[in-house]
Amino acid sequence: MEGYLETISAAQGTFIVNNTTEKTTNFDMLVVLEDTVFTSLKVAGNDVKSTYIADTAAAVKAGAILRPTGGVKFSGVQLTSGSVALVL
């Protein structure tokens, strides 16, 4: 896991997910760019969406930031709709 300043400044780069194809890569944080419905959000290949989103069927609003807990990285994301920026 990157340090806080490296993460918030996106020092390792970003990747925009704006389709419904699963993106599998390790990332420290994601920023929701528009109202977005998640198909899955993974840590170590396991879907942990319900750990981070209370109503998993509803859209997460634009501007939300999701960061994994416990010193781990997210390992993948798939969207039903919307777009997110992955902070690598």
C-alpha atoms as a PDB file:
ATOM      1  CA  MET A   1       0.000   0.000   0.000  1.00  0.00           C
ATOM      2  CA  GLU A   2       1.324   3.398  -0.969  1.00  0.00           C
ATOM      3  CA  GLY A   3       1.678   6.183   1.577  1.00  0.00           C
ATOM      4  CA  TYR A   4      -1.161   8.633   2.024  1.00  0.00           C
ATOM      5  CA  LEU A   5       0.462  11.481   0.090  1.00  0.00           C
ATOM      6  CA  GLU A   6       1.399   9.210  -2.806  1.00  0.00           C
ATOM      7  CA  THR A   7      -2.139   7.865  -2.944  1.00  0.00           C
ATOM      8  CA  ILE A   8      -4.029  11.156  -2.740  1.00  0.00           C
ATOM      9  CA  SER A   9      -1.725  12.748  -5.326  1.00  0.00           C
ATOM     10  CA  ALA A  10      -2.084   9.711  -7.625  1.00  0.00           C
ATOM     11  CA  ALA A  11       1.713   9.532  -7.833  1.00  0.00           C
ATOM     12  CA  GLN A  12       1.543   6.010  -9.340  1.00  0.00           C
ATOM     13  CA  GLY A  13      -1.003   7.064 -11.983  1.00  0.00           C
ATOM     14  CA  THR A  14      -4.668   6.492 -12.695  1.00  0.00           C
ATOM     15  CA  PHE A  15      -6.872   4.435 -14.982  1.00  0.00           C
ATOM     16  CA  ILE A  16     -10.421   5.344 -16.037  1.00  0.00           C
ATOM     17  CA  VAL A  17     -12.994   2.549 -16.090  1.00  0.00           C
ATOM     18  CA  ASN A  18     -15.977   3.627 -18.192  1.00  0.00           C
ATOM     19  CA  ASN A  19     -17.330   0.351 -19.530  1.00  0.00           C
ATOM     20  CA  THR A  20     -18.799  -2.894 -18.168  1.00  0.00           C
ATOM     21  CA  THR A  21     -15.699  -5.058 -18.670  1.00  0.00           C
ATOM     22  CA  GLU A  22     -14.059  -6.169 -15.423  1.00  0.00           C
ATOM     23  CA  LYS A  23     -10.754  -4.394 -14.787  1.00  0.00           C
ATOM     24  CA  THR A  24      -8.355  -6.545 -12.774  1.00  0.00           C
ATOM     25  CA  THR A  25      -5.414  -4.610 -11.386  1.00  0.00           C
ATOM     26  CA  ASN A  26      -4.236  -3.606  -7.933  1.00  0.00           C
ATOM     27  CA  PHE A  27      -5.252  -0.101  -6.906  1.00  0.00           C
ATOM     28  CA  ASP A  28      -5.254   1.922  -3.690  1.00  0.00           C
ATOM     29  CA  MET A  29      -8.395   3.996  -4.156  1.00  0.00           C
ATOM     30  CA  LEU A  30     -11.149   4.791  -6.590  1.00  0.00           C
ATOM     31  CA  VAL A  31     -13.010   8.016  -7.259  1.00  0.00           C
ATOM     32  CA  VAL A  32     -16.553   7.847  -8.610  1.00  0.00           C
ATOM     33  CA  LEU A  33     -16.763  10.220 -11.599  1.00  0.00           C
ATOM     34  CA  GLU A  34     -20.512   9.986 -12.200  1.00  0.00           C
ATOM     35  CA  ASP A  35     -23.364   8.159 -10.502  1.00  0.00           C
ATOM     36  CA  THR A  36     -22.172   4.538 -10.761  1.00  0.00           C
ATOM     37  CA  VAL A  37     -23.617   1.090 -10.089  1.00  0.00           C
ATOM     38  CA  PHE A  38     -21.002  -1.552  -9.264  1.00  0.00           C
ATOM     39  CA  THR A  39     -21.225  -5.158 -10.415  1.00  0.00           C
ATOM     40  CA  SER A  40     -18.238  -6.097  -8.230  1.00  0.00           C
ATOM     41  CA  LEU A  41     -15.464  -4.549  -6.182  1.00  0.00           C
ATOM     42  CA  LYS A  42     -12.726  -7.014  -5.284  1.00  0.00           C
ATOM     43  CA  VAL A  43      -9.919  -7.499  -2.773  1.00  0.00           C
ATOM     44  CA  ALA A  44      -7.635 -10.502  -3.392  1.00  0.00           C
ATOM     45  CA  GLY A  45     -10.091 -11.668  -6.053  1.00  0.00           C
ATOM     46  CA  ASN A  46     -13.067 -11.746  -3.671  1.00  0.00           C
ATOM     47  CA  ASP A  47     -16.077  -9.490  -4.113  1.00  0.00           C
ATOM     48  CA  VAL A  48     -16.243  -7.104  -1.136  1.00  0.00           C
ATOM     49  CA  LYS A  49     -18.758  -4.669  -2.587  1.00  0.00           C
ATOM     50  CA  SER A  50     -21.158  -5.063   0.349  1.00  0.00           C
ATOM     51  CA  THR A  51     -18.348  -4.146   2.780  1.00  0.00           C
ATOM     52  CA  TYR A  52     -18.023  -0.692   1.179  1.00  0.00           C
ATOM     53  CA  ILE A  53     -21.524  -0.012  -0.238  1.00  0.00           C
ATOM     54  CA  ALA A  54     -24.653  -0.368   1.932  1.00  0.00           C
ATOM     55  CA  ASP A  55     -27.203  -0.608  -0.896  1.00  0.00           C
ATOM     56  CA  THR A  56     -25.273  -2.520  -3.535  1.00  0.00           C
ATOM     57  CA  ALA A  57     -28.079  -2.201  -6.105  1.00  0.00           C
ATOM     58  CA  ALA A  58     -28.181   1.609  -5.927  1.00  0.00           C
ATOM     59  CA  ALA A  59     -25.865   4.062  -7.645  1.00  0.00           C
ATOM     60  CA  VAL A  60     -22.931   5.470  -5.700  1.00  0.00           C
ATOM     61  CA  LYS A  61     -22.984   9.221  -6.227  1.00  0.00           C
ATOM     62  CA  ALA A  62     -20.358  11.143  -8.166  1.00  0.00           C
ATOM     63  CA  GLY A  63     -17.496  12.376  -5.999  1.00  0.00           C
ATOM     64  CA  ALA A  64     -17.456   9.410  -3.619  1.00  0.00           C
ATOM     65  CA  ILE A  65     -14.027   8.022  -2.746  1.00  0.00           C
ATOM     66  CA  LEU A  66     -13.581   4.360  -1.847  1.00  0.00           C
ATOM     67  CA  ARG A  67     -10.375   3.194  -0.156  1.00  0.00           C
ATOM     68  CA  PRO A  68      -9.774  -0.329   1.152  1.00  0.00           C
ATOM     69  CA  THR A  69      -9.326  -0.895   4.858  1.00  0.00           C
ATOM     70  CA  GLY A  70      -6.730  -3.004   6.612  1.00  0.00           C
ATOM     71  CA  GLY A  71      -3.692  -2.088   4.538  1.00  0.00           C
ATOM     72  CA  VAL A  72      -4.761  -4.028   1.436  1.00  0.00           C
ATOM     73  CA  LYS A  73      -5.365  -2.988  -2.162  1.00  0.00           C
ATOM     74  CA  PHE A  74      -8.431  -3.456  -4.300  1.00  0.00           C
ATOM     75  CA  SER A  75      -7.771  -6.089  -6.977  1.00  0.00           C
ATOM     76  CA  GLY A  76     -10.599  -5.509  -9.437  1.00  0.00           C
ATOM     77  CA  VAL A  77     -13.745  -3.647 -10.297  1.00  0.00           C
ATOM     78  CA  GLN A  78     -16.647  -4.122 -12.686  1.00  0.00           C
ATOM     79  CA  LEU A  79     -19.381  -1.594 -13.356  1.00  0.00           C
ATOM     80  CA  THR A  80     -22.994  -1.984 -14.370  1.00  0.00           C
ATOM     81  CA  SER A  81     -23.089   1.706 -15.302  1.00  0.00           C
ATOM     82  CA  GLY A  82     -21.138   4.901 -14.713  1.00  0.00           C
ATOM     83  CA  SER A  83     -17.396   5.541 -14.527  1.00  0.00           C
ATOM     84  CA  VAL A  84     -14.623   5.605 -11.952  1.00  0.00           C
ATOM     85  CA  ALA A  85     -10.976   6.648 -11.758  1.00  0.00           C
ATOM     86  CA  LEU A  86      -8.705   4.015 -10.250  1.00  0.00           C
ATOM     87  CA  VAL A  87      -5.782   5.459  -8.306  1.00  0.00           C
ATOM     88  CA  LEU A  88      -2.923   3.008  -8.858  1.00  0.00           C
END
